[in-house]
C-alpha atoms as a PDB file:
ATOM      1  CA  MET A   1      11.806  23.573   2.940  1.00  0.00           C
ATOM      2  CA  ILE A   2      13.122  24.572   6.379  1.00  0.00           C
ATOM      3  CA  ARG A   3      12.130  21.184   7.776  1.00  0.00           C
ATOM      4  CA  ASN A   4      13.756  19.359   4.847  1.00  0.00           C
ATOM      5  CA  THR A   5      16.951  21.319   5.424  1.00  0.00           C
ATOM      6  CA  LEU A   6      16.809  20.475   9.126  1.00  0.00           C
ATOM      7  CA  VAL A   7      16.407  16.770   8.383  1.00  0.00           C
ATOM      8  CA  GLY A   8      19.376  16.909   6.014  1.00  0.00           C
ATOM      9  CA  ALA A   9      21.486  18.604   8.644  1.00  0.00           C
ATOM     10  CA  ILE A  10      20.551  15.975  11.239  1.00  0.00           C
ATOM     11  CA  LEU A  11      21.408  13.177   8.809  1.00  0.00           C
ATOM     12  CA  ALA A  12      24.751  14.757   7.959  1.00  0.00           C
ATOM     13  CA  ALA A  13      25.571  15.047  11.636  1.00  0.00           C
ATOM     14  CA  LEU A  14      24.910  11.405  12.435  1.00  0.00           C
ATOM     15  CA  PRO A  15      28.107   9.795  13.698  1.00  0.00           C
ATOM     16  CA  ALA A  16      29.575   7.376  11.194  1.00  0.00           C
ATOM     17  CA  ALA A  17      32.135   6.017  13.594  1.00  0.00           C
ATOM     18  CA  GLY A  18      30.987   3.133  15.702  1.00  0.00           C
ATOM     19  CA  PHE A  19      27.901   2.458  13.569  1.00  0.00           C
ATOM     20  CA  ALA A  20      28.620   0.175  10.637  1.00  0.00           C
ATOM     21  CA  GLN A  21      26.218   0.126   7.696  1.00  0.00           C
ATOM     22  CA  ALA A  22      23.554  -2.460   8.488  1.00  0.00           C
ATOM     23  CA  THR A  23      22.285  -5.194   6.183  1.00  0.00           C
ATOM     24  CA  LEU A  24      18.510  -5.513   6.209  1.00  0.00           C
ATOM     25  CA  THR A  25      16.317  -8.248   4.760  1.00  0.00           C
ATOM     26  CA  ALA A  26      13.088  -7.005   3.194  1.00  0.00           C
ATOM     27  CA  GLU A  27      10.210  -8.248   1.075  1.00  0.00           C
ATOM     28  CA  THR A  28       7.998  -6.227  -1.250  1.00  0.00           C
ATOM     29  CA  THR A  29       5.445  -6.562  -4.021  1.00  0.00           C
ATOM     30  CA  SER A  30       6.092  -7.041  -7.746  1.00  0.00           C
ATOM     31  CA  PRO A  31       7.843  -4.462  -9.967  1.00  0.00           C
ATOM     32  CA  GLY A  32       5.410  -1.832 -11.256  1.00  0.00           C
ATOM     33  CA  SER A  33       3.556  -1.563  -7.944  1.00  0.00           C
ATOM     34  CA  THR A  34       3.675   1.390  -5.557  1.00  0.00           C
ATOM     35  CA  PRO A  35       5.117  -0.556  -2.571  1.00  0.00           C
ATOM     36  CA  HIS A  36       7.869  -1.846  -4.877  1.00  0.00           C
ATOM     37  CA  TYR A  37       8.780   1.694  -5.930  1.00  0.00           C
ATOM     38  CA  ILE A  38       8.773   2.919  -2.324  1.00  0.00           C
ATOM     39  CA  ASP A  39      10.935   0.039  -1.105  1.00  0.00           C
ATOM     40  CA  THR A  40      13.475   0.207  -3.914  1.00  0.00           C
ATOM     41  CA  THR A  41      13.715   3.984  -3.513  1.00  0.00           C
ATOM     42  CA  LEU A  42      14.150   3.567   0.234  1.00  0.00           C
ATOM     43  CA  ALA A  43      16.924   1.064  -0.449  1.00  0.00           C
ATOM     44  CA  ALA A  44      18.733   3.611  -2.619  1.00  0.00           C
ATOM     45  CA  VAL A  45      18.242   6.352  -0.012  1.00  0.00           C
ATOM     46  CA  LEU A  46      19.572   4.199   2.845  1.00  0.00           C
ATOM     47  CA  ASP A  47      22.541   2.994   0.812  1.00  0.00           C
ATOM     48  CA  GLY A  48      23.388   6.532  -0.289  1.00  0.00           C
ATOM     49  CA  ALA A  49      23.234   7.759   3.303  1.00  0.00           C
ATOM     50  CA  GLY A  50      25.476   4.930   4.489  1.00  0.00           C
ATOM     51  CA  VAL A  51      22.757   3.682   6.840  1.00  0.00           C
ATOM     52  CA  ALA A  52      21.897   0.236   5.480  1.00  0.00           C
ATOM     53  CA  THR A  53      21.942  -2.148   2.554  1.00  0.00           C
ATOM     54  CA  MET A  54      18.530  -3.668   1.846  1.00  0.00           C
ATOM     55  CA  GLN A  55      18.340  -7.166   0.410  1.00  0.00           C
ATOM     56  CA  ILE A  56      14.863  -7.124  -1.148  1.00  0.00           C
ATOM     57  CA  THR A  57      12.822 -10.127  -2.275  1.00  0.00           C
ATOM     58  CA  GLU A  58      10.271  -9.056  -4.895  1.00  0.00           C
ATOM     59  CA  GLY A  59       6.835 -10.470  -5.690  1.00  0.00           C
ATOM     60  CA  ALA A  60       6.106 -11.404  -2.089  1.00  0.00           C
ATOM     61  CA  THR A  61       2.682 -12.120  -0.645  1.00  0.00           C
ATOM     62  CA  LEU A  62       2.511  -9.485   2.082  1.00  0.00           C
ATOM     63  CA  THR A  63       0.354 -11.695   4.286  1.00  0.00           C
ATOM     64  CA  ASN A  64       3.424 -13.881   4.736  1.00  0.00           C
ATOM     65  CA  SER A  65       5.795 -10.892   4.942  1.00  0.00           C
ATOM     66  CA  VAL A  66       3.883  -9.355   7.858  1.00  0.00           C
ATOM     67  CA  GLN A  67       4.036 -12.598   9.805  1.00  0.00           C
ATOM     68  CA  ALA A  68       7.736 -12.978   9.017  1.00  0.00           C
ATOM     69  CA  VAL A  69       8.484  -9.493  10.406  1.00  0.00           C
ATOM     70  CA  ALA A  70       6.391 -10.229  13.492  1.00  0.00           C
ATOM     71  CA  GLU A  71       8.332 -13.451  14.047  1.00  0.00           C
ATOM     72  CA  GLY A  72      11.664 -11.654  13.658  1.00  0.00           C
ATOM     73  CA  GLN A  73      12.565 -13.584  10.498  1.00  0.00           C
ATOM     74  CA  LEU A  74      12.501 -10.444   8.315  1.00  0.00           C
ATOM     75  CA  ASP A  75      13.692  -6.898   9.015  1.00  0.00           C
ATOM     76  CA  MET A  76      11.205  -4.857   7.009  1.00  0.00           C
ATOM     77  CA  ALA A  77       8.132  -4.997   4.782  1.00  0.00           C
ATOM     78  CA  PRO A  78       5.291  -2.786   3.574  1.00  0.00           C
ATOM     79  CA  ALA A  79       2.155  -3.808   5.476  1.00  0.00           C
ATOM     80  CA  PRO A  80      -1.410  -3.109   4.372  1.00  0.00           C
ATOM     81  CA  LEU A  81      -2.859  -2.144   7.742  1.00  0.00           C
ATOM     82  CA  ILE A  82      -5.686  -4.649   7.467  1.00  0.00           C
ATOM     83  CA  LEU A  83      -3.105  -7.419   7.905  1.00  0.00           C
ATOM     84  CA  PRO A  84      -1.820  -6.452  11.387  1.00  0.00           C
ATOM     85  CA  PHE A  85      -5.487  -5.987  12.342  1.00  0.00           C
ATOM     86  CA  LEU A  86      -6.342  -9.540  11.222  1.00  0.00           C
ATOM     87  CA  LEU A  87      -3.156 -10.892  12.769  1.00  0.00           C
ATOM     88  CA  SER A  88      -3.965  -9.317  16.136  1.00  0.00           C
ATOM     89  CA  ARG A  89      -7.239 -11.246  16.164  1.00  0.00           C
ATOM     90  CA  GLY A  90      -5.944 -14.481  14.643  1.00  0.00           C
ATOM     91  CA  VAL A  91      -8.573 -14.440  11.899  1.00  0.00           C
ATOM     92  CA  GLY A  92      -8.697 -14.521   8.091  1.00  0.00           C
ATOM     93  CA  PRO A  93      -5.343 -15.631   6.666  1.00  0.00           C
ATOM     94  CA  TYR A  94      -4.011 -15.914  10.234  1.00  0.00           C
ATOM     95  CA  SER A  95      -6.810 -18.096  11.599  1.00  0.00           C
ATOM     96  CA  GLY A  96      -4.405 -21.003  11.920  1.00  0.00           C
ATOM     97  CA  LEU A  97      -2.407 -19.076  14.515  1.00  0.00           C
ATOM     98  CA  GLY A  98      -5.325 -18.518  16.872  1.00  0.00           C
ATOM     99  CA  LYS A  99      -6.217 -15.330  18.727  1.00  0.00           C
ATOM    100  CA  GLU A 100      -3.602 -15.571  21.487  1.00  0.00           C
ATOM    101  CA  ARG A 101      -0.625 -16.256  19.209  1.00  0.00           C
ATOM    102  CA  GLY A 102      -1.883 -13.738  16.637  1.00  0.00           C
ATOM    103  CA  ALA A 103      -2.129 -11.002  19.268  1.00  0.00           C
ATOM    104  CA  GLU A 104       1.349 -11.852  20.532  1.00  0.00           C
ATOM    105  CA  LEU A 105       2.834 -11.585  17.043  1.00  0.00           C
ATOM    106  CA  ALA A 106       0.979  -8.377  16.207  1.00  0.00           C
ATOM    107  CA  GLY A 107       2.444  -6.879  19.367  1.00  0.00           C
ATOM    108  CA  ASN A 108       5.901  -7.417  17.873  1.00  0.00           C
ATOM    109  CA  LEU A 109       5.264  -4.978  14.983  1.00  0.00           C
ATOM    110  CA  ARG A 110       6.329  -1.332  14.830  1.00  0.00           C
ATOM    111  CA  SER A 111       5.915   1.322  12.108  1.00  0.00           C
ATOM    112  CA  LEU A 112       8.511   3.677  10.664  1.00  0.00           C
ATOM    113  CA  PHE A 113       6.328   5.665   8.231  1.00  0.00           C
ATOM    114  CA  PHE A 114       3.041   5.440   6.305  1.00  0.00           C
ATOM    115  CA  THR A 115       1.475   5.738   2.839  1.00  0.00           C
ATOM    116  CA  ALA A 116      -1.982   5.433   1.259  1.00  0.00           C
ATOM    117  CA  ALA A 117      -1.167   5.612  -2.447  1.00  0.00           C
ATOM    118  CA  SER A 118      -2.852   2.491  -3.820  1.00  0.00           C
ATOM    119  CA  ALA A 119      -6.480   3.180  -4.715  1.00  0.00           C
ATOM    120  CA  GLN A 120      -8.988   0.485  -5.671  1.00  0.00           C
ATOM    121  CA  ILE A 121      -9.853   0.601  -9.370  1.00  0.00           C
ATOM    122  CA  PHE A 122     -12.010  -1.523 -11.672  1.00  0.00           C
ATOM    123  CA  GLY A 123     -10.923  -2.239 -15.235  1.00  0.00           C
ATOM    124  CA  HIS A 124     -11.846  -4.246 -18.303  1.00  0.00           C
ATOM    125  CA  TYR A 125     -10.906  -4.584 -21.956  1.00  0.00           C
ATOM    126  CA  ASP A 126     -13.069  -2.480 -24.240  1.00  0.00           C
ATOM    127  CA  SER A 127     -13.523  -5.493 -26.518  1.00  0.00           C
ATOM    128  CA  GLY A 128     -14.586  -7.768 -23.663  1.00  0.00           C
ATOM    129  CA  ALA A 129     -17.873  -8.907 -22.176  1.00  0.00           C
ATOM    130  CA  ILE A 130     -18.339  -6.122 -19.599  1.00  0.00           C
ATOM    131  CA  SER A 131     -20.330  -3.050 -20.608  1.00  0.00           C
ATOM    132  CA  ASP A 132     -21.690  -1.985 -17.195  1.00  0.00           C
ATOM    133  CA  ILE A 133     -19.583  -2.259 -14.044  1.00  0.00           C
ATOM    134  CA  ARG A 134     -22.745  -2.521 -11.950  1.00  0.00           C
ATOM    135  CA  THR A 135     -23.812  -5.639 -13.846  1.00  0.00           C
ATOM    136  CA  LEU A 136     -21.163  -8.281 -13.269  1.00  0.00           C
ATOM    137  CA  GLU A 137     -23.259 -11.414 -12.869  1.00  0.00           C
ATOM    138  CA  ASP A 138     -21.611 -14.545 -14.298  1.00  0.00           C
ATOM    139  CA  MET A 139     -18.426 -12.614 -15.069  1.00  0.00           C
ATOM    140  CA  ARG A 140     -14.894 -13.745 -14.205  1.00  0.00           C
ATOM    141  CA  ILE A 141     -13.285 -10.999 -12.136  1.00  0.00           C
ATOM    142  CA  TRP A 142      -9.617 -10.976 -11.084  1.00  0.00           C
ATOM    143  CA  ASN A 143      -9.943  -9.682  -7.533  1.00  0.00           C
ATOM    144  CA  GLY A 144      -6.593 -10.303  -5.897  1.00  0.00           C
ATOM    145  CA  PRO A 145      -3.870 -12.771  -5.016  1.00  0.00           C
ATOM    146  CA  PRO A 146      -4.930 -16.059  -3.387  1.00  0.00           C
ATOM    147  CA  ARG A 147      -5.227 -14.399   0.032  1.00  0.00           C
ATOM    148  CA  GLY A 148      -4.458 -11.192   1.878  1.00  0.00           C
ATOM    149  CA  ALA A 149      -5.436  -7.522   2.040  1.00  0.00           C
ATOM    150  CA  ALA A 150      -5.782  -6.971  -1.701  1.00  0.00           C
ATOM    151  CA  LEU A 151      -8.208  -9.883  -2.007  1.00  0.00           C
ATOM    152  CA  THR A 152     -10.311  -8.551   0.873  1.00  0.00           C
ATOM    153  CA  SER A 153     -10.446  -5.096  -0.758  1.00  0.00           C
ATOM    154  CA  GLY A 154     -11.088  -6.561  -4.211  1.00  0.00           C
ATOM    155  CA  ARG A 155     -14.045  -8.585  -3.004  1.00  0.00           C
ATOM    156  CA  ALA A 156     -15.401  -5.512  -1.223  1.00  0.00           C
ATOM    157  CA  ALA A 157     -15.112  -3.464  -4.433  1.00  0.00           C
ATOM    158  CA  VAL A 158     -17.066  -5.972  -6.518  1.00  0.00           C
ATOM    159  CA  GLN A 159     -19.736  -6.237  -3.838  1.00  0.00           C
ATOM    160  CA  LEU A 160     -20.017  -2.438  -3.727  1.00  0.00           C
ATOM    161  CA  LEU A 161     -20.304  -2.166  -7.520  1.00  0.00           C
ATOM    162  CA  SER A 162     -22.660  -5.054  -8.211  1.00  0.00           C
ATOM    163  CA  GLY A 163     -24.011  -6.386  -4.914  1.00  0.00           C
ATOM    164  CA  LEU A 164     -22.425  -9.761  -5.704  1.00  0.00           C
ATOM    165  CA  LYS A 165     -20.183 -11.920  -3.532  1.00  0.00           C
ATOM    166  CA  ASP A 166     -17.276 -14.014  -4.764  1.00  0.00           C
ATOM    167  CA  GLY A 167     -18.616 -17.387  -5.867  1.00  0.00           C
ATOM    168  CA  GLU A 168     -22.208 -16.179  -5.505  1.00  0.00           C
ATOM    169  CA  GLY A 169     -23.022 -14.402  -8.749  1.00  0.00           C
ATOM    170  CA  TYR A 170     -19.543 -14.012 -10.214  1.00  0.00           C
ATOM    171  CA  GLU A 171     -16.378 -16.073 -10.390  1.00  0.00           C
ATOM    172  CA  GLY A 172     -13.457 -14.577  -8.498  1.00  0.00           C
ATOM    173  CA  ILE A 173     -10.106 -15.207 -10.172  1.00  0.00           C
ATOM    174  CA  GLN A 174      -6.962 -15.101  -8.036  1.00  0.00           C
ATOM    175  CA  SER A 175      -3.303 -15.516  -8.918  1.00  0.00           C
ATOM    176  CA  PRO A 176       0.023 -14.612  -7.302  1.00  0.00           C
ATOM    177  CA  TRP A 177       1.089 -11.004  -7.908  1.00  0.00           C
ATOM    178  CA  PRO A 178       3.815 -11.865 -10.454  1.00  0.00           C
ATOM    179  CA  ASP A 179       1.188 -13.650 -12.587  1.00  0.00           C
ATOM    180  CA  THR A 180      -1.430 -10.880 -12.510  1.00  0.00           C
ATOM    181  CA  VAL A 181      -0.704  -9.328 -15.894  1.00  0.00           C
ATOM    182  CA  SER A 182      -0.287 -12.643 -17.716  1.00  0.00           C
ATOM    183  CA  THR A 183      -3.504 -14.004 -16.183  1.00  0.00           C
ATOM    184  CA  ILE A 184      -5.485 -10.975 -17.373  1.00  0.00           C
ATOM    185  CA  THR A 185      -3.850 -10.516 -20.786  1.00  0.00           C
ATOM    186  CA  GLY A 186      -4.140 -14.259 -21.408  1.00  0.00           C
ATOM    187  CA  GLY A 187      -7.924 -14.048 -21.235  1.00  0.00           C
ATOM    188  CA  GLY A 188      -8.284 -15.460 -17.750  1.00  0.00           C
ATOM    189  CA  ALA A 189     -10.659 -12.712 -16.574  1.00  0.00           C
ATOM    190  CA  ASP A 190     -13.416 -10.509 -17.977  1.00  0.00           C
ATOM    191  CA  GLY A 191     -12.507  -7.676 -15.635  1.00  0.00           C
ATOM    192  CA  TRP A 192     -10.221  -6.849 -12.741  1.00  0.00           C
ATOM    193  CA  THR A 193     -10.189  -4.831  -9.543  1.00  0.00           C
ATOM    194  CA  ILE A 194      -6.792  -3.950  -8.062  1.00  0.00           C
ATOM    195  CA  PRO A 195      -5.360  -1.385  -5.634  1.00  0.00           C
ATOM    196  CA  GLU A 196      -3.095   0.710  -7.876  1.00  0.00           C
ATOM    197  CA  GLY A 197      -0.769   3.668  -7.548  1.00  0.00           C
ATOM    198  CA  LEU A 198      -0.716   6.396 -10.181  1.00  0.00           C
ATOM    199  CA  PRO A 199       0.355   5.707 -12.835  1.00  0.00           C
ATOM    200  CA  SER A 200       0.399   1.932 -12.601  1.00  0.00           C
ATOM    201  CA  GLY A 201       2.949   0.041 -14.671  1.00  0.00           C
ATOM    202  CA  ARG A 202       0.695  -2.982 -14.314  1.00  0.00           C
ATOM    203  CA  GLN A 203      -2.255  -1.191 -15.931  1.00  0.00           C
ATOM    204  CA  ILE A 204      -0.002   0.076 -18.729  1.00  0.00           C
ATOM    205  CA  ALA A 205       1.217  -3.481 -19.360  1.00  0.00           C
ATOM    206  CA  ILE A 206      -2.365  -4.787 -19.414  1.00  0.00           C
ATOM    207  CA  ALA A 207      -3.391  -2.067 -21.890  1.00  0.00           C
ATOM    208  CA  ALA A 208      -0.510  -2.981 -24.198  1.00  0.00           C
ATOM    209  CA  ALA A 209      -2.562  -6.067 -25.124  1.00  0.00           C
ATOM    210  CA  GLY A 210      -5.670  -4.025 -26.024  1.00  0.00           C
ATOM    211  CA  ALA A 211      -7.609  -0.884 -25.146  1.00  0.00           C
ATOM    212  CA  THR A 212      -8.882  -0.792 -21.571  1.00  0.00           C
ATOM    213  CA  THR A 213     -11.171   1.336 -19.419  1.00  0.00           C
ATOM    214  CA  ILE A 214     -10.494   2.110 -15.753  1.00  0.00           C
ATOM    215  CA  TYR A 215     -13.234   3.261 -13.357  1.00  0.00           C
ATOM    216  CA  ASP A 216     -13.262   4.782  -9.891  1.00  0.00           C
ATOM    217  CA  MET A 217     -15.918   3.886  -7.353  1.00  0.00           C
ATOM    218  CA  PRO A 218     -19.128   5.766  -8.318  1.00  0.00           C
ATOM    219  CA  SER A 219     -20.049   8.614  -5.984  1.00  0.00           C
ATOM    220  CA  ASP A 220     -23.515   7.309  -5.093  1.00  0.00           C
ATOM    221  CA  LEU A 221     -22.082   3.926  -4.134  1.00  0.00           C
ATOM    222  CA  LEU A 222     -19.296   5.441  -2.044  1.00  0.00           C
ATOM    223  CA  ALA A 223     -21.934   7.518  -0.233  1.00  0.00           C
ATOM    224  CA  SER A 224     -24.108   4.456   0.450  1.00  0.00           C
ATOM    225  CA  GLU A 225     -24.142   2.646   3.774  1.00  0.00           C
ATOM    226  CA  LEU A 226     -21.987  -0.163   2.385  1.00  0.00           C
ATOM    227  CA  GLY A 227     -19.639   2.332   0.743  1.00  0.00           C
ATOM    228  CA  GLN A 228     -19.115   4.177   4.006  1.00  0.00           C
ATOM    229  CA  GLN A 229     -18.516   0.912   5.831  1.00  0.00           C
ATOM    230  CA  ILE A 230     -15.850  -0.043   3.296  1.00  0.00           C
ATOM    231  CA  MET A 231     -14.223   3.394   3.489  1.00  0.00           C
ATOM    232  CA  ALA A 232     -14.042   3.130   7.282  1.00  0.00           C
ATOM    233  CA  ALA A 233     -12.939  -0.507   7.334  1.00  0.00           C
ATOM    234  CA  PRO A 234      -9.599  -1.336   8.969  1.00  0.00           C
ATOM    235  CA  GLY A 235      -6.796  -0.697   6.504  1.00  0.00           C
ATOM    236  CA  HIS A 236      -8.678   1.716   4.234  1.00  0.00           C
ATOM    237  CA  ALA A 237      -8.335   5.475   3.748  1.00  0.00           C
ATOM    238  CA  PRO A 238     -10.154   7.997   1.487  1.00  0.00           C
ATOM    239  CA  TYR A 239      -8.603   8.701  -1.932  1.00  0.00           C
ATOM    240  CA  SER A 240      -9.454  11.553  -4.299  1.00  0.00           C
ATOM    241  CA  ILE A 241      -7.497  13.044  -7.212  1.00  0.00           C
ATOM    242  CA  PRO A 242      -8.715  15.490  -9.922  1.00  0.00           C
ATOM    243  CA  VAL A 243      -9.729  13.318 -12.849  1.00  0.00           C
ATOM    244  CA  GLU A 244      -7.725  15.361 -15.357  1.00  0.00           C
ATOM    245  CA  GLU A 245      -4.567  14.637 -13.374  1.00  0.00           C
ATOM    246  CA  TYR A 246      -5.498  10.975 -13.296  1.00  0.00           C
ATOM    247  CA  ARG A 247      -6.035  10.938 -17.076  1.00  0.00           C
ATOM    248  CA  ALA A 248      -2.807  12.830 -17.692  1.00  0.00           C
ATOM    249  CA  ALA A 249      -0.866  10.141 -15.847  1.00  0.00           C
ATOM    250  CA  TYR A 250      -1.880   7.625 -18.541  1.00  0.00           C
ATOM    251  CA  THR A 251      -1.414   9.872 -21.578  1.00  0.00           C
ATOM    252  CA  GLY A 252       0.027   7.903 -24.493  1.00  0.00           C
ATOM    253  CA  ASN A 253      -1.482   4.612 -23.371  1.00  0.00           C
ATOM    254  CA  ASP A 254      -4.701   3.085 -24.680  1.00  0.00           C
ATOM    255  CA  ILE A 255      -6.496   3.619 -21.373  1.00  0.00           C
ATOM    256  CA  THR A 256      -9.812   5.451 -20.879  1.00  0.00           C
ATOM    257  CA  ILE A 257     -10.615   6.847 -17.415  1.00  0.00           C
ATOM    258  CA  VAL A 258     -14.290   7.013 -16.430  1.00  0.00           C
ATOM    259  CA  THR A 259     -15.700   8.868 -13.408  1.00  0.00           C
ATOM    260  CA  ASP A 260     -19.089  10.426 -12.670  1.00  0.00           C
ATOM    261  CA  ASP A 261     -17.693  13.807 -11.593  1.00  0.00           C
ATOM    262  CA  ASP A 262     -14.464  15.829 -11.692  1.00  0.00           C
ATOM    263  CA  THR A 263     -12.506  13.608  -9.329  1.00  0.00           C
ATOM    264  CA  PHE A 264     -11.259  10.037  -9.282  1.00  0.00           C
ATOM    265  CA  ASP A 265     -12.608   8.788  -5.957  1.00  0.00           C
ATOM    266  CA  SER A 266     -12.065   5.460  -4.268  1.00  0.00           C
ATOM    267  CA  PHE A 267     -10.800   3.852  -1.105  1.00  0.00           C
ATOM    268  CA  ALA A 268      -7.057   3.488  -0.701  1.00  0.00           C
ATOM    269  CA  THR A 269      -5.126   0.722   0.968  1.00  0.00           C
ATOM    270  CA  ALA A 270      -3.353   2.272   3.958  1.00  0.00           C
ATOM    271  CA  PHE A 271       0.174   0.955   4.489  1.00  0.00           C
ATOM    272  CA  ALA A 272       2.785   1.124   7.217  1.00  0.00           C
ATOM    273  CA  GLN A 273       6.458   0.357   6.704  1.00  0.00           C
ATOM    274  CA  ILE A 274       6.913  -2.209   9.456  1.00  0.00           C
ATOM    275  CA  VAL A 275       9.895  -3.535  11.373  1.00  0.00           C
ATOM    276  CA  PRO A 276      10.195  -5.790  14.428  1.00  0.00           C
ATOM    277  CA  ALA A 277       9.708  -4.064  17.774  1.00  0.00           C
ATOM    278  CA  SER A 278      13.129  -5.434  18.703  1.00  0.00           C
ATOM    279  CA  MET A 279      14.927  -3.360  16.030  1.00  0.00           C
ATOM    280  CA  ASP A 280      17.709  -1.301  17.580  1.00  0.00           C
ATOM    281  CA  GLU A 281      16.397   2.188  18.349  1.00  0.00           C
ATOM    282  CA  GLU A 282      19.406   3.934  16.825  1.00  0.00           C
ATOM    283  CA  LEU A 283      19.014   1.965  13.589  1.00  0.00           C
ATOM    284  CA  ALA A 284      15.295   2.777  13.366  1.00  0.00           C
ATOM    285  CA  TYR A 285      16.163   6.424  13.998  1.00  0.00           C
ATOM    286  CA  ARG A 286      18.799   6.481  11.265  1.00  0.00           C
ATOM    287  CA  ILE A 287      16.514   4.729   8.756  1.00  0.00           C
ATOM    288  CA  THR A 288      13.656   7.154   9.402  1.00  0.00           C
ATOM    289  CA  THR A 289      15.923  10.196   9.360  1.00  0.00           C
ATOM    290  CA  ALA A 290      17.326   9.126   5.989  1.00  0.00           C
ATOM    291  CA  TYR A 291      13.794   8.504   4.701  1.00  0.00           C
ATOM    292  CA  LEU A 292      12.671  12.008   5.722  1.00  0.00           C
ATOM    293  CA  ALA A 293      15.762  13.540   4.132  1.00  0.00           C
ATOM    294  CA  GLY A 294      15.007  11.631   0.906  1.00  0.00           C
ATOM    295  CA  GLN A 295      11.612  13.229   0.249  1.00  0.00           C
ATOM    296  CA  GLU A 296      12.660  14.816  -3.046  1.00  0.00           C
ATOM    297  CA  ARG A 297      14.017  11.545  -4.372  1.00  0.00           C
ATOM    298  CA  PHE A 298      10.738   9.766  -3.621  1.00  0.00           C
ATOM    299  CA  ALA A 299       8.774  12.578  -5.304  1.00  0.00           C
ATOM    300  CA  THR A 300      10.878  12.889  -8.453  1.00  0.00           C
ATOM    301  CA  GLY A 301      12.191   9.363  -9.093  1.00  0.00           C
ATOM    302  CA  SER A 302       9.025   8.200 -10.847  1.00  0.00           C
ATOM    303  CA  PRO A 303       5.892   9.676 -12.447  1.00  0.00           C
ATOM    304  CA  ARG A 304       4.002   8.230  -9.490  1.00  0.00           C
ATOM    305  CA  GLY A 305       6.098  10.262  -7.053  1.00  0.00           C
ATOM    306  CA  PRO A 306       3.594  13.130  -6.578  1.00  0.00           C
ATOM    307  CA  TYR A 307       0.842  10.628  -5.727  1.00  0.00           C
ATOM    308  CA  LEU A 308       2.546   8.502  -3.074  1.00  0.00           C
ATOM    309  CA  PHE A 309       0.888  10.267  -0.092  1.00  0.00           C
ATOM    310  CA  LEU A 310       3.875   9.297   2.026  1.00  0.00           C
ATOM    311  CA  SER A 311       4.025  10.628   5.593  1.00  0.00           C
ATOM    312  CA  PHE A 312       6.510  13.478   5.197  1.00  0.00           C
ATOM    313  CA  GLY A 313       4.984  15.633   7.916  1.00  0.00           C
ATOM    314  CA  ASP A 314       2.982  15.544  11.130  1.00  0.00           C
ATOM    315  CA  ILE A 315       1.573  12.160  12.141  1.00  0.00           C
ATOM    316  CA  ASP A 316      -2.016  12.608  13.318  1.00  0.00           C
ATOM    317  CA  GLY A 317      -2.806   8.895  13.133  1.00  0.00           C
ATOM    318  CA  VAL A 318      -6.195   9.270  11.464  1.00  0.00           C
ATOM    319  CA  SER A 319      -4.824  10.357   8.076  1.00  0.00           C
ATOM    320  CA  GLN A 320      -2.523   7.360   8.146  1.00  0.00           C
ATOM    321  CA  GLY A 321      -5.361   4.878   8.749  1.00  0.00           C
ATOM    322  CA  MET A 322      -4.323   4.430  12.381  1.00  0.00           C
ATOM    323  CA  CYS A 323      -5.798   5.299  15.769  1.00  0.00           C
ATOM    324  CA  GLY A 324      -9.005   3.375  15.169  1.00  0.00           C
ATOM    325  CA  PRO A 325      -9.373  -0.401  15.063  1.00  0.00           C
ATOM    326  CA  VAL A 326      -5.836  -0.640  13.624  1.00  0.00           C
ATOM    327  CA  THR A 327      -2.866   0.071  15.861  1.00  0.00           C
ATOM    328  CA  VAL A 328       0.720  -0.543  14.779  1.00  0.00           C
ATOM    329  CA  PRO A 329       2.696   1.750  17.109  1.00  0.00           C
ATOM    330  CA  MET A 330       5.580   3.723  15.688  1.00  0.00           C
ATOM    331  CA  HIS A 331       9.060   2.592  16.664  1.00  0.00           C
ATOM    332  CA  PRO A 332      10.591   4.902  19.307  1.00  0.00           C
ATOM    333  CA  GLY A 333      13.507   5.527  16.955  1.00  0.00           C
ATOM    334  CA  ALA A 334      11.114   6.662  14.226  1.00  0.00           C
ATOM    335  CA  ILE A 335       9.271   8.951  16.636  1.00  0.00           C
ATOM    336  CA  ARG A 336      12.570  10.531  17.628  1.00  0.00           C
ATOM    337  CA  ALA A 337      13.436  11.138  13.969  1.00  0.00           C
ATOM    338  CA  TYR A 338      10.087  12.805  13.244  1.00  0.00           C
ATOM    339  CA  GLU A 339      10.246  14.999  16.324  1.00  0.00           C
ATOM    340  CA  GLU A 340      13.833  16.068  15.693  1.00  0.00           C
ATOM    341  CA  ALA A 341      12.730  17.045  12.166  1.00  0.00           C
ATOM    342  CA  GLY A 342      10.115  19.356  13.710  1.00  0.00           C
ATOM    343  CA  PHE A 343       7.032  17.186  13.184  1.00  0.00           C
ATOM    344  CA  THR A 344       4.376  16.228  15.726  1.00  0.00           C
ATOM    345  CA  VAL A 345       3.411  12.625  16.483  1.00  0.00           C
ATOM    346  CA  ALA A 346      -0.037  11.791  17.898  1.00  0.00           C
ATOM    347  CA  ASP A 347      -0.208   9.972  21.215  1.00  0.00           C
ATOM    348  CA  CYS A 348      -2.326   7.201  19.684  1.00  0.00           C
ATOM    349  CA  VAL A 349       0.586   5.956  17.533  1.00  0.00           C
ATOM    350  CA  ARG A 350       3.091   5.848  20.351  1.00  0.00           C
ATOM    351  CA  PRO A 351       3.973   2.448  21.857  1.00  0.00           C
END
């Protein structure tokens, strides 16, 4: 509470004169997703504080958004941390750029804050063909958009559950984010695996077409060698919530939650809110200060608020999915905002 009060006092003291409200271009995921909620809430916080107006494009493929920020064509985007990692090596969706250009672009990215709220789930309709999530041979599984971090995580989840690879034992179904619900409800997939916040408007919309069951990643599989590799993979972070809380989040919807113990355990997609390294330091400072002062609004503006795992506190790097193979340094303006609010920032996230 003391720190929140301090942040509010700092924000109130920021000089309005000589610093006009900025206009920022941003891209985010589709409505109903956690990044969308975070970005639209951030937009309201920044506008209310007189810091910036965010012009947000929804339903974006974040693979493209990350590159656009790195190239200076976009001011802000939520970045699954696997994407800057792949960009820095010029591989995966960035293979066309090559290693040298990819590394150059990745070096242009800076972080303002972090979250790891989207946990990998597996779901299916109760009336469908799937009865055992470890037996998915010959099934059609929606496992992500056509490319990007979610597809990488989705393929990893199916391999962990069943030992099968996309196109080798099951048919992977991909569609752009805005078409996810219609693809699934239209009968285009037997099951689906998606990184979801809690509760997920997307899962509620899918269940409106018929009763569904959602699973976490079974404990024995998470503890396996492959499970531990996936948990430690670039862009992933551990995720665990008491199962009764998870069930309560979907009360009133025709959704059954299945786990093998008292917690809903999975791997989360670690995100950074990224901006170009060239962003003015004072602007980055004001954005981050307003974000820190807006903690209550993030927490109470949606039922998913308590489960955002946003970085309102010390930055140790490890908890944020950083300081290992992934490095997206914090913007100096963001570091200044955290430190003035009384928080510590690990050396490994400094530029």
